[in-house]
Structures are given as C-alpha cells and as structure tokens.
PDB file of N, CA and C in Angstrom:
ATOM      1  N   MET A   1      85.840  78.682 -47.967  1.00  0.00           N
ATOM      2  CA  MET A   1      85.245  77.435 -48.416  1.00  0.00           C
ATOM      3  C   MET A   1      83.837  77.301 -47.830  1.00  0.00           C
ATOM      4  N   LYS A   2      82.903  76.932 -48.665  1.00  0.00           N
ATOM      5  CA  LYS A   2      81.522  76.788 -48.214  1.00  0.00           C
ATOM      6  C   LYS A   2      81.352  75.460 -47.477  1.00  0.00           C
ATOM      7  N   PRO A   3      80.558  75.472 -46.407  1.00  0.00           N
ATOM      8  CA  PRO A   3      80.358  74.220 -45.667  1.00  0.00           C
ATOM      9  C   PRO A   3      79.578  73.212 -46.503  1.00  0.00           C
ATOM     10  N   ASP A   4      79.856  71.937 -46.243  1.00  0.00           N
ATOM     11  CA  ASP A   4      79.081  70.890 -46.895  1.00  0.00           C
ATOM     12  C   ASP A   4      77.637  70.982 -46.417  1.00  0.00           C
ATOM     13  N   ILE A   5      76.753  70.504 -47.248  1.00  0.00           N
ATOM     14  CA  ILE A   5      75.336  70.495 -46.891  1.00  0.00           C
ATOM     15  C   ILE A   5      74.941  69.052 -46.599  1.00  0.00           C
ATOM     16  N   SER A   6      74.310  68.853 -45.456  1.00  0.00           N
ATOM     17  CA  SER A   6      73.831  67.525 -45.077  1.00  0.00           C
ATOM     18  C   SER A   6      72.443  67.673 -44.470  1.00  0.00           C
ATOM     19  N   LEU A   7      71.841  66.554 -44.163  1.00  0.00           N
ATOM     20  CA  LEU A   7      70.516  66.601 -43.551  1.00  0.00           C
ATOM     21  C   LEU A   7      70.560  67.151 -42.134  1.00  0.00           C
ATOM     22  N   ALA A   8      71.747  67.224 -41.534  1.00  0.00           N
ATOM     23  CA  ALA A   8      71.893  67.841 -40.210  1.00  0.00           C
ATOM     24  C   ALA A   8      72.006  69.363 -40.304  1.00  0.00           C
ATOM     25  N   SER A   9      72.233  69.866 -41.515  1.00  0.00           N
ATOM     26  CA  SER A   9      72.417  71.308 -41.707  1.00  0.00           C
ATOM     27  C   SER A   9      71.141  72.084 -41.417  1.00  0.00           C
ATOM     28  N   HIS A  10      71.338  73.326 -41.019  1.00  0.00           N
ATOM     29  CA  HIS A  10      70.248  74.287 -40.868  1.00  0.00           C
ATOM     30  C   HIS A  10      70.451  75.373 -41.914  1.00  0.00           C
ATOM     31  N   VAL A  11      69.368  75.922 -42.400  1.00  0.00           N
ATOM     32  CA  VAL A  11      69.423  76.926 -43.459  1.00  0.00           C
ATOM     33  C   VAL A  11      68.756  78.190 -42.959  1.00  0.00           C
ATOM     34  N   ARG A  12      69.405  79.311 -43.225  1.00  0.00           N
ATOM     35  CA  ARG A  12      68.842  80.614 -42.872  1.00  0.00           C
ATOM     36  C   ARG A  12      68.693  81.430 -44.141  1.00  0.00           C
ATOM     37  N   VAL A  13      67.495  81.979 -44.334  1.00  0.00           N
ATOM     38  CA  VAL A  13      67.248  82.852 -45.481  1.00  0.00           C
ATOM     39  C   VAL A  13      67.982  84.165 -45.248  1.00  0.00           C
ATOM     40  N   ARG A  14      68.735  84.603 -46.230  1.00  0.00           N
ATOM     41  CA  ARG A  14      69.486  85.855 -46.106  1.00  0.00           C
ATOM     42  C   ARG A  14      68.524  87.047 -46.120  1.00  0.00           C
ATOM     43  N   ASP A  15      68.899  88.096 -45.403  1.00  0.00           N
ATOM     44  CA  ASP A  15      68.074  89.301 -45.332  1.00  0.00           C
ATOM     45  C   ASP A  15      67.874  89.939 -46.702  1.00  0.00           C
ATOM     46  N   GLU A  16      68.820  89.716 -47.610  1.00  0.00           N
ATOM     47  CA  GLU A  16      68.750  90.318 -48.943  1.00  0.00           C
ATOM     48  C   GLU A  16      67.827  89.556 -49.890  1.00  0.00           C
ATOM     49  N   ALA A  17      67.224  88.481 -49.432  1.00  0.00           N
ATOM     50  CA  ALA A  17      66.334  87.671 -50.261  1.00  0.00           C
ATOM     51  C   ALA A  17      64.886  87.942 -49.862  1.00  0.00           C
ATOM     52  N   LEU A  18      64.171  88.593 -50.730  1.00  0.00           N
ATOM     53  CA  LEU A  18      62.748  88.846 -50.504  1.00  0.00           C
ATOM     54  C   LEU A  18      61.939  87.835 -51.293  1.00  0.00           C
ATOM     55  N   PHE A  19      60.760  87.500 -50.789  1.00  0.00           N
ATOM     56  CA  PHE A  19      59.922  86.560 -51.521  1.00  0.00           C
ATOM     57  C   PHE A  19      58.473  87.010 -51.500  1.00  0.00           C
ATOM     58  N   ARG A  20      57.745  86.492 -52.467  1.00  0.00           N
ATOM     59  CA  ARG A  20      56.312  86.749 -52.564  1.00  0.00           C
ATOM     60  C   ARG A  20      55.657  85.463 -53.047  1.00  0.00           C
ATOM     61  N   ASP A  21      54.587  85.062 -52.354  1.00  0.00           N
ATOM     62  CA  ASP A  21      53.803  83.917 -52.800  1.00  0.00           C
ATOM     63  C   ASP A  21      52.939  84.340 -53.975  1.00  0.00           C
ATOM     64  N   LEU A  22      52.941  83.517 -55.012  1.00  0.00           N
ATOM     65  CA  LEU A  22      52.080  83.728 -56.174  1.00  0.00           C
ATOM     66  C   LEU A  22      51.320  82.430 -56.418  1.00  0.00           C
ATOM     67  N   GLY A  23      50.176  82.311 -55.786  1.00  0.00           N
ATOM     68  CA  GLY A  23      49.448  81.049 -55.859  1.00  0.00           C
ATOM     69  C   GLY A  23      50.248  79.985 -55.138  1.00  0.00           C
ATOM     70  N   GLU A  24      50.535  78.880 -55.825  1.00  0.00           N
ATOM     71  CA  GLU A  24      51.334  77.811 -55.226  1.00  0.00           C
ATOM     72  C   GLU A  24      52.830  78.058 -55.375  1.00  0.00           C
ATOM     73  N   ASP A  25      53.221  78.994 -56.218  1.00  0.00           N
ATOM     74  CA  ASP A  25      54.629  79.262 -56.493  1.00  0.00           C
ATOM     75  C   ASP A  25      55.151  80.402 -55.628  1.00  0.00           C
ATOM     76  N   VAL A  26      56.466  80.570 -55.640  1.00  0.00           N
ATOM     77  CA  VAL A  26      57.121  81.666 -54.928  1.00  0.00           C
ATOM     78  C   VAL A  26      58.075  82.347 -55.895  1.00  0.00           C
ATOM     79  N   VAL A  27      58.098  83.665 -55.844  1.00  0.00           N
ATOM     80  CA  VAL A  27      59.084  84.444 -56.592  1.00  0.00           C
ATOM     81  C   VAL A  27      60.030  85.061 -55.576  1.00  0.00           C
ATOM     82  N   LEU A  28      61.334  84.915 -55.827  1.00  0.00           N
ATOM     83  CA  LEU A  28      62.370  85.444 -54.945  1.00  0.00           C
ATOM     84  C   LEU A  28      63.096  86.571 -55.650  1.00  0.00           C
ATOM     85  N   LEU A  29      63.484  87.582 -54.894  1.00  0.00           N
ATOM     86  CA  LEU A  29      64.285  88.682 -55.423  1.00  0.00           C
ATOM     87  C   LEU A  29      65.535  88.809 -54.575  1.00  0.00           C
ATOM     88  N   ASP A  30      66.683  88.739 -55.227  1.00  0.00           N
ATOM     89  CA  ASP A  30      67.955  88.998 -54.562  1.00  0.00           C
ATOM     90  C   ASP A  30      68.197  90.496 -54.653  1.00  0.00           C
ATOM     91  N   LEU A  31      68.078  91.194 -53.531  1.00  0.00           N
ATOM     92  CA  LEU A  31      68.207  92.652 -53.521  1.00  0.00           C
ATOM     93  C   LEU A  31      69.599  93.123 -53.930  1.00  0.00           C
ATOM     94  N   ARG A  32      70.613  92.302 -53.705  1.00  0.00           N
ATOM     95  CA  ARG A  32      71.975  92.711 -54.067  1.00  0.00           C
ATOM     96  C   ARG A  32      72.169  92.743 -55.571  1.00  0.00           C
ATOM     97  N   SER A  33      71.661  91.741 -56.259  1.00  0.00           N
ATOM     98  CA  SER A  33      71.888  91.642 -57.703  1.00  0.00           C
ATOM     99  C   SER A  33      70.701  92.104 -58.533  1.00  0.00           C
ATOM    100  N   GLY A  34      69.515  92.172 -57.922  1.00  0.00           N
ATOM    101  CA  GLY A  34      68.315  92.520 -58.675  1.00  0.00           C
ATOM    102  C   GLY A  34      67.770  91.363 -59.497  1.00  0.00           C
ATOM    103  N   VAL A  35      68.287  90.163 -59.279  1.00  0.00           N
ATOM    104  CA  VAL A  35      67.872  88.988 -60.039  1.00  0.00           C
ATOM    105  C   VAL A  35      66.678  88.325 -59.358  1.00  0.00           C
ATOM    106  N   TYR A  36      65.693  87.955 -60.185  1.00  0.00           N
ATOM    107  CA  TYR A  36      64.512  87.235 -59.711  1.00  0.00           C
ATOM    108  C   TYR A  36      64.696  85.740 -59.923  1.00  0.00           C
ATOM    109  N   PHE A  37      64.127  84.963 -59.028  1.00  0.00           N
ATOM    110  CA  PHE A  37      64.104  83.508 -59.141  1.00  0.00           C
ATOM    111  C   PHE A  37      62.670  83.064 -58.900  1.00  0.00           C
ATOM    112  N   SER A  38      62.281  81.946 -59.498  1.00  0.00           N
ATOM    113  CA  SER A  38      60.949  81.434 -59.212  1.00  0.00           C
ATOM    114  C   SER A  38      61.046  79.977 -58.785  1.00  0.00           C
ATOM    115  N   LEU A  39      60.192  79.604 -57.858  1.00  0.00           N
ATOM    116  CA  LEU A  39      60.123  78.236 -57.356  1.00  0.00           C
ATOM    117  C   LEU A  39      58.729  77.691 -57.621  1.00  0.00           C
ATOM    118  N   ASP A  40      58.663  76.443 -58.085  1.00  0.00           N
ATOM    119  CA  ASP A  40      57.364  75.808 -58.279  1.00  0.00           C
ATOM    120  C   ASP A  40      56.768  75.463 -56.914  1.00  0.00           C
ATOM    121  N   ALA A  41      55.657  74.762 -56.919  1.00  0.00           N
ATOM    122  CA  ALA A  41      54.937  74.488 -55.672  1.00  0.00           C
ATOM    123  C   ALA A  41      55.796  73.719 -54.662  1.00  0.00           C
ATOM    124  N   VAL A  42      56.563  72.735 -55.113  1.00  0.00           N
ATOM    125  CA  VAL A  42      57.401  71.968 -54.184  1.00  0.00           C
ATOM    126  C   VAL A  42      58.548  72.837 -53.677  1.00  0.00           C
ATOM    127  N   GLY A  43      59.178  73.586 -54.572  1.00  0.00           N
ATOM    128  CA  GLY A  43      60.232  74.510 -54.152  1.00  0.00           C
ATOM    129  C   GLY A  43      59.706  75.542 -53.173  1.00  0.00           C
ATOM    130  N   ALA A  44      58.486  76.011 -53.409  1.00  0.00           N
ATOM    131  CA  ALA A  44      57.865  76.981 -52.502  1.00  0.00           C
ATOM    132  C   ALA A  44      57.642  76.361 -51.125  1.00  0.00           C
ATOM    133  N   ARG A  45      57.230  75.097 -51.103  1.00  0.00           N
ATOM    134  CA  ARG A  45      57.030  74.422 -49.815  1.00  0.00           C
ATOM    135  C   ARG A  45      58.356  74.311 -49.064  1.00  0.00           C
ATOM    136  N   ILE A  46      59.424  73.978 -49.779  1.00  0.00           N
ATOM    137  CA  ILE A  46      60.752  73.910 -49.162  1.00  0.00           C
ATOM    138  C   ILE A  46      61.138  75.277 -48.618  1.00  0.00           C
ATOM    139  N   TRP A  47      60.912  76.335 -49.399  1.00  0.00           N
ATOM    140  CA  TRP A  47      61.241  77.698 -48.968  1.00  0.00           C
ATOM    141  C   TRP A  47      60.547  78.027 -47.644  1.00  0.00           C
ATOM    142  N   HIS A  48      59.268  77.684 -47.550  1.00  0.00           N
ATOM    143  CA  HIS A  48      58.528  77.968 -46.316  1.00  0.00           C
ATOM    144  C   HIS A  48      59.029  77.112 -45.150  1.00  0.00           C
ATOM    145  N   LEU A  49      59.360  75.860 -45.418  1.00  0.00           N
ATOM    146  CA  LEU A  49      59.844  74.985 -44.341  1.00  0.00           C
ATOM    147  C   LEU A  49      61.198  75.432 -43.807  1.00  0.00           C
ATOM    148  N   ILE A  50      62.098  75.903 -44.661  1.00  0.00           N
ATOM    149  CA  ILE A  50      63.412  76.316 -44.154  1.00  0.00           C
ATOM    150  C   ILE A  50      63.313  77.591 -43.325  1.00  0.00           C
ATOM    151  N   GLN A  51      62.252  78.345 -43.502  1.00  0.00           N
ATOM    152  CA  GLN A  51      62.074  79.547 -42.692  1.00  0.00           C
ATOM    153  C   GLN A  51      61.676  79.217 -41.257  1.00  0.00           C
ATOM    154  N   GLU A  52      61.317  77.974 -41.007  1.00  0.00           N
ATOM    155  CA  GLU A  52      60.969  77.537 -39.653  1.00  0.00           C
ATOM    156  C   GLU A  52      62.205  77.146 -38.852  1.00  0.00           C
ATOM    157  N   HIS A  53      63.391  77.324 -39.433  1.00  0.00           N
ATOM    158  CA  HIS A  53      64.675  77.081 -38.762  1.00  0.00           C
ATOM    159  C   HIS A  53      64.810  75.646 -38.268  1.00  0.00           C
ATOM    160  N   ARG A  54      64.372  74.734 -39.087  1.00  0.00           N
ATOM    161  CA  ARG A  54      64.498  73.316 -38.753  1.00  0.00           C
ATOM    162  C   ARG A  54      65.684  72.736 -39.518  1.00  0.00           C
ATOM    163  N   SER A  55      66.144  71.582 -39.101  1.00  0.00           N
ATOM    164  CA  SER A  55      67.211  70.914 -39.847  1.00  0.00           C
ATOM    165  C   SER A  55      66.659  70.459 -41.197  1.00  0.00           C
ATOM    166  N   LEU A  56      67.564  70.242 -42.137  1.00  0.00           N
ATOM    167  CA  LEU A  56      67.109  69.741 -43.432  1.00  0.00           C
ATOM    168  C   LEU A  56      66.525  68.340 -43.298  1.00  0.00           C
ATOM    169  N   GLY A  57      66.960  67.587 -42.294  1.00  0.00           N
ATOM    170  CA  GLY A  57      66.352  66.286 -42.030  1.00  0.00           C
ATOM    171  C   GLY A  57      64.887  66.413 -41.655  1.00  0.00           C
ATOM    172  N   ALA A  58      64.555  67.418 -40.865  1.00  0.00           N
ATOM    173  CA  ALA A  58      63.153  67.656 -40.495  1.00  0.00           C
ATOM    174  C   ALA A  58      62.353  68.129 -41.703  1.00  0.00           C
ATOM    175  N   VAL A  59      62.982  68.942 -42.547  1.00  0.00           N
ATOM    176  CA  VAL A  59      62.323  69.375 -43.790  1.00  0.00           C
ATOM    177  C   VAL A  59      62.049  68.150 -44.660  1.00  0.00           C
ATOM    178  N   LEU A  60      63.033  67.277 -44.779  1.00  0.00           N
ATOM    179  CA  LEU A  60      62.874  66.051 -45.563  1.00  0.00           C
ATOM    180  C   LEU A  60      61.710  65.220 -45.036  1.00  0.00           C
ATOM    181  N   ASP A  61      61.628  65.040 -43.732  1.00  0.00           N
ATOM    182  CA  ASP A  61      60.531  64.261 -43.142  1.00  0.00           C
ATOM    183  C   ASP A  61      59.176  64.849 -43.511  1.00  0.00           C
ATOM    184  N   SER A  62      59.066  66.168 -43.472  1.00  0.00           N
ATOM    185  CA  SER A  62      57.804  66.822 -43.839  1.00  0.00           C
ATOM    186  C   SER A  62      57.466  66.565 -45.299  1.00  0.00           C
ATOM    187  N   LEU A  63      58.458  66.713 -46.168  1.00  0.00           N
ATOM    188  CA  LEU A  63      58.219  66.548 -47.604  1.00  0.00           C
ATOM    189  C   LEU A  63      57.820  65.120 -47.953  1.00  0.00           C
ATOM    190  N   VAL A  64      58.504  64.144 -47.370  1.00  0.00           N
ATOM    191  CA  VAL A  64      58.186  62.739 -47.647  1.00  0.00           C
ATOM    192  C   VAL A  64      56.771  62.415 -47.173  1.00  0.00           C
ATOM    193  N   GLY A  65      56.336  63.041 -46.085  1.00  0.00           N
ATOM    194  CA  GLY A  65      54.981  62.833 -45.597  1.00  0.00           C
ATOM    195  C   GLY A  65      53.915  63.511 -46.440  1.00  0.00           C
ATOM    196  N   GLU A  66      54.295  64.567 -47.152  1.00  0.00           N
ATOM    197  CA  GLU A  66      53.331  65.345 -47.928  1.00  0.00           C
ATOM    198  C   GLU A  66      53.261  64.965 -49.403  1.00  0.00           C
ATOM    199  N   TYR A  67      54.334  64.404 -49.944  1.00  0.00           N
ATOM    200  CA  TYR A  67      54.405  64.124 -51.379  1.00  0.00           C
ATOM    201  C   TYR A  67      54.678  62.644 -51.618  1.00  0.00           C
ATOM    202  N   ASP A  68      54.283  62.182 -52.787  1.00  0.00           N
ATOM    203  CA  ASP A  68      54.511  60.799 -53.192  1.00  0.00           C
ATOM    204  C   ASP A  68      55.918  60.702 -53.789  1.00  0.00           C
ATOM    205  N   VAL A  69      56.917  60.563 -52.911  1.00  0.00           N
ATOM    206  CA  VAL A  69      58.315  60.537 -53.333  1.00  0.00           C
ATOM    207  C   VAL A  69      59.097  59.660 -52.359  1.00  0.00           C
ATOM    208  N   THR A  70      60.115  58.990 -52.878  1.00  0.00           N
ATOM    209  CA  THR A  70      60.959  58.199 -51.983  1.00  0.00           C
ATOM    210  C   THR A  70      61.852  59.136 -51.175  1.00  0.00           C
ATOM    211  N   GLU A  71      62.264  58.663 -50.015  1.00  0.00           N
ATOM    212  CA  GLU A  71      63.129  59.477 -49.165  1.00  0.00           C
ATOM    213  C   GLU A  71      64.457  59.781 -49.859  1.00  0.00           C
ATOM    214  N   ALA A  72      65.008  58.788 -50.562  1.00  0.00           N
ATOM    215  CA  ALA A  72      66.301  58.984 -51.233  1.00  0.00           C
ATOM    216  C   ALA A  72      66.201  60.048 -52.323  1.00  0.00           C
ATOM    217  N   ARG A  73      65.170  59.963 -53.142  1.00  0.00           N
ATOM    218  CA  ARG A  73      64.997  60.943 -54.226  1.00  0.00           C
ATOM    219  C   ARG A  73      64.738  62.332 -53.654  1.00  0.00           C
ATOM    220  N   CYS A  74      63.909  62.403 -52.634  1.00  0.00           N
ATOM    221  CA  CYS A  74      63.586  63.683 -52.009  1.00  0.00           C
ATOM    222  C   CYS A  74      64.836  64.306 -51.391  1.00  0.00           C
ATOM    223  N   ALA A  75      65.647  63.508 -50.713  1.00  0.00           N
ATOM    224  CA  ALA A  75      66.874  64.019 -50.092  1.00  0.00           C
ATOM    225  C   ALA A  75      67.818  64.568 -51.150  1.00  0.00           C
ATOM    226  N   GLU A  76      67.978  63.846 -52.242  1.00  0.00           N
ATOM    227  CA  GLU A  76      68.855  64.297 -53.332  1.00  0.00           C
ATOM    228  C   GLU A  76      68.375  65.631 -53.901  1.00  0.00           C
ATOM    229  N   ASP A  77      67.078  65.725 -54.174  1.00  0.00           N
ATOM    230  CA  ASP A  77      66.524  66.957 -54.743  1.00  0.00           C
ATOM    231  C   ASP A  77      66.594  68.116 -53.750  1.00  0.00           C
ATOM    232  N   LEU A  78      66.311  67.844 -52.480  1.00  0.00           N
ATOM    233  CA  LEU A  78      66.356  68.876 -51.447  1.00  0.00           C
ATOM    234  C   LEU A  78      67.764  69.441 -51.312  1.00  0.00           C
ATOM    235  N   LEU A  79      68.757  68.568 -51.191  1.00  0.00           N
ATOM    236  CA  LEU A  79      70.135  69.028 -51.028  1.00  0.00           C
ATOM    237  C   LEU A  79      70.617  69.784 -52.263  1.00  0.00           C
ATOM    238  N   SER A  80      70.192  69.357 -53.448  1.00  0.00           N
ATOM    239  CA  SER A  80      70.563  70.064 -54.680  1.00  0.00           C
ATOM    240  C   SER A  80      69.968  71.465 -54.712  1.00  0.00           C
ATOM    241  N   LEU A  81      68.697  71.588 -54.335  1.00  0.00           N
ATOM    242  CA  LEU A  81      68.056  72.904 -54.333  1.00  0.00           C
ATOM    243  C   LEU A  81      68.702  73.826 -53.305  1.00  0.00           C
ATOM    244  N   ILE A  82      68.989  73.316 -52.123  1.00  0.00           N
ATOM    245  CA  ILE A  82      69.619  74.143 -51.091  1.00  0.00           C
ATOM    246  C   ILE A  82      71.007  74.586 -51.551  1.00  0.00           C
ATOM    247  N   ALA A  83      71.764  73.700 -52.187  1.00  0.00           N
ATOM    248  CA  ALA A  83      73.090  74.068 -52.705  1.00  0.00           C
ATOM    249  C   ALA A  83      72.966  75.172 -53.748  1.00  0.00           C
ATOM    250  N   LEU A  84      71.994  75.070 -54.624  1.00  0.00           N
ATOM    251  CA  LEU A  84      71.781  76.100 -55.645  1.00  0.00           C
ATOM    252  C   LEU A  84      71.409  77.431 -55.005  1.00  0.00           C
ATOM    253  N   MET A  85      70.505  77.408 -54.033  1.00  0.00           N
ATOM    254  CA  MET A  85      70.109  78.651 -53.364  1.00  0.00           C
ATOM    255  C   MET A  85      71.281  79.254 -52.584  1.00  0.00           C
ATOM    256  N   ARG A  86      72.095  78.394 -51.976  1.00  0.00           N
ATOM    257  CA  ARG A  86      73.289  78.893 -51.278  1.00  0.00           C
ATOM    258  C   ARG A  86      74.263  79.537 -52.274  1.00  0.00           C
ATOM    259  N   ASP A  87      74.495  78.864 -53.384  1.00  0.00           N
ATOM    260  CA  ASP A  87      75.432  79.374 -54.382  1.00  0.00           C
ATOM    261  C   ASP A  87      74.951  80.677 -55.004  1.00  0.00           C
ATOM    262  N   ARG A  88      73.649  80.886 -55.041  1.00  0.00           N
ATOM    263  CA  ARG A  88      73.076  82.130 -55.572  1.00  0.00           C
ATOM    264  C   ARG A  88      72.990  83.218 -54.506  1.00  0.00           C
ATOM    265  N   GLY A  89      73.356  82.889 -53.267  1.00  0.00           N
ATOM    266  CA  GLY A  89      73.376  83.876 -52.194  1.00  0.00           C
ATOM    267  C   GLY A  89      72.034  84.143 -51.546  1.00  0.00           C
ATOM    268  N   LEU A  90      71.076  83.233 -51.733  1.00  0.00           N
ATOM    269  CA  LEU A  90      69.743  83.418 -51.159  1.00  0.00           C
ATOM    270  C   LEU A  90      69.644  82.896 -49.731  1.00  0.00           C
ATOM    271  N   VAL A  91      70.469  81.908 -49.402  1.00  0.00           N
ATOM    272  CA  VAL A  91      70.442  81.306 -48.073  1.00  0.00           C
ATOM    273  C   VAL A  91      71.865  81.089 -47.570  1.00  0.00           C
ATOM    274  N   GLU A  92      71.969  80.915 -46.253  1.00  0.00           N
ATOM    275  CA  GLU A  92      73.223  80.520 -45.612  1.00  0.00           C
ATOM    276  C   GLU A  92      73.001  79.166 -44.959  1.00  0.00           C
ATOM    277  N   VAL A  93      74.001  78.315 -45.041  1.00  0.00           N
ATOM    278  CA  VAL A  93      73.908  76.963 -44.500  1.00  0.00           C
ATOM    279  C   VAL A  93      74.874  76.830 -43.337  1.00  0.00           C
ATOM    280  N   SER A  94      74.400  76.240 -42.251  1.00  0.00           N
ATOM    281  CA  SER A  94      75.277  75.971 -41.109  1.00  0.00           C
ATOM    282  C   SER A  94      75.067  74.537 -40.656  1.00  0.00           C
ATOM    283  N   ASP A  95      76.100  73.987 -40.067  1.00  0.00           N
ATOM    284  CA  ASP A  95      76.039  72.629 -39.537  1.00  0.00           C
ATOM    285  C   ASP A  95      76.269  72.706 -38.038  1.00  0.00           C
ATOM    286  N   PRO A  96      75.221  72.538 -37.231  1.00  0.00           N
ATOM    287  CA  PRO A  96      75.363  72.672 -35.786  1.00  0.00           C
ATOM    288  C   PRO A  96      76.402  71.721 -35.195  1.00  0.00           C
ATOM    289  N   ALA A  97      76.624  70.574 -35.822  1.00  0.00           N
ATOM    290  CA  ALA A  97      77.589  69.608 -35.304  1.00  0.00           C
ATOM    291  C   ALA A  97      79.021  70.119 -35.436  1.00  0.00           C
ATOM    292  N   ALA A  98      79.256  71.023 -36.394  1.00  0.00           N
ATOM    293  CA  ALA A  98      80.606  71.548 -36.622  1.00  0.00           C
ATOM    294  C   ALA A  98      80.939  72.689 -35.672  1.00  0.00           C
ATOM    295  N   ALA A  99      79.944  73.211 -34.975  1.00  0.00           N
ATOM    296  CA  ALA A  99      80.175  74.368 -34.090  1.00  0.00           C
ATOM    297  C   ALA A  99      80.791  73.977 -32.776  1.00  0.00           C
TER     298      ALA A  99
END
C-alpha cells in the first residue's frame, strides 16, 4: 500500500528518473519504461524544489510566495502532481512522522 501524501511528506526523486531543463519547462525520462513526461514552468519549479529534500509544506510555502495562487488551490494542485509522479514511478514519498 502506498503511503498517503500530506504536506508533512518528503519526496525523493527516483534514480531511474532523469530530467533535462528546456527553457522554463522540464522533460523527464523514466529509464525503466522509456516513457517521457513533460512539466510546464510551474511543474518544473516543483520538480526543482522537491530535489532540495524539503517537506511538501515548505515547497507549498515557496510556491505561494512566488505565484499568484491561493494556498488551498496550490496545496491541492501540488498534492495531485506529487501523487501522479509517485504513481508513474518518478518519485518516492515518505512521511517522517510515520517513521
């Protein structure tokens, strides 16, 4: 069973996920499946922030400070994107409180 994702969660990029910046966007390659994914500028910013090994709450704080978005909407979109990336095998999610 996959762990729930919350703002307390930490995200680790899997070794099998390679990325390349293309202007403001990011292209991801899953080495296991050979499937490419692309992220727009906001998704690319999230990708870079999760590589800093911060909690998703800290990522949310950065995004709300950088973009014209409500905290509630940003949190919903952030958690949805992380769930999608986890389900595609690009990232692993852990909850330090559960350890």
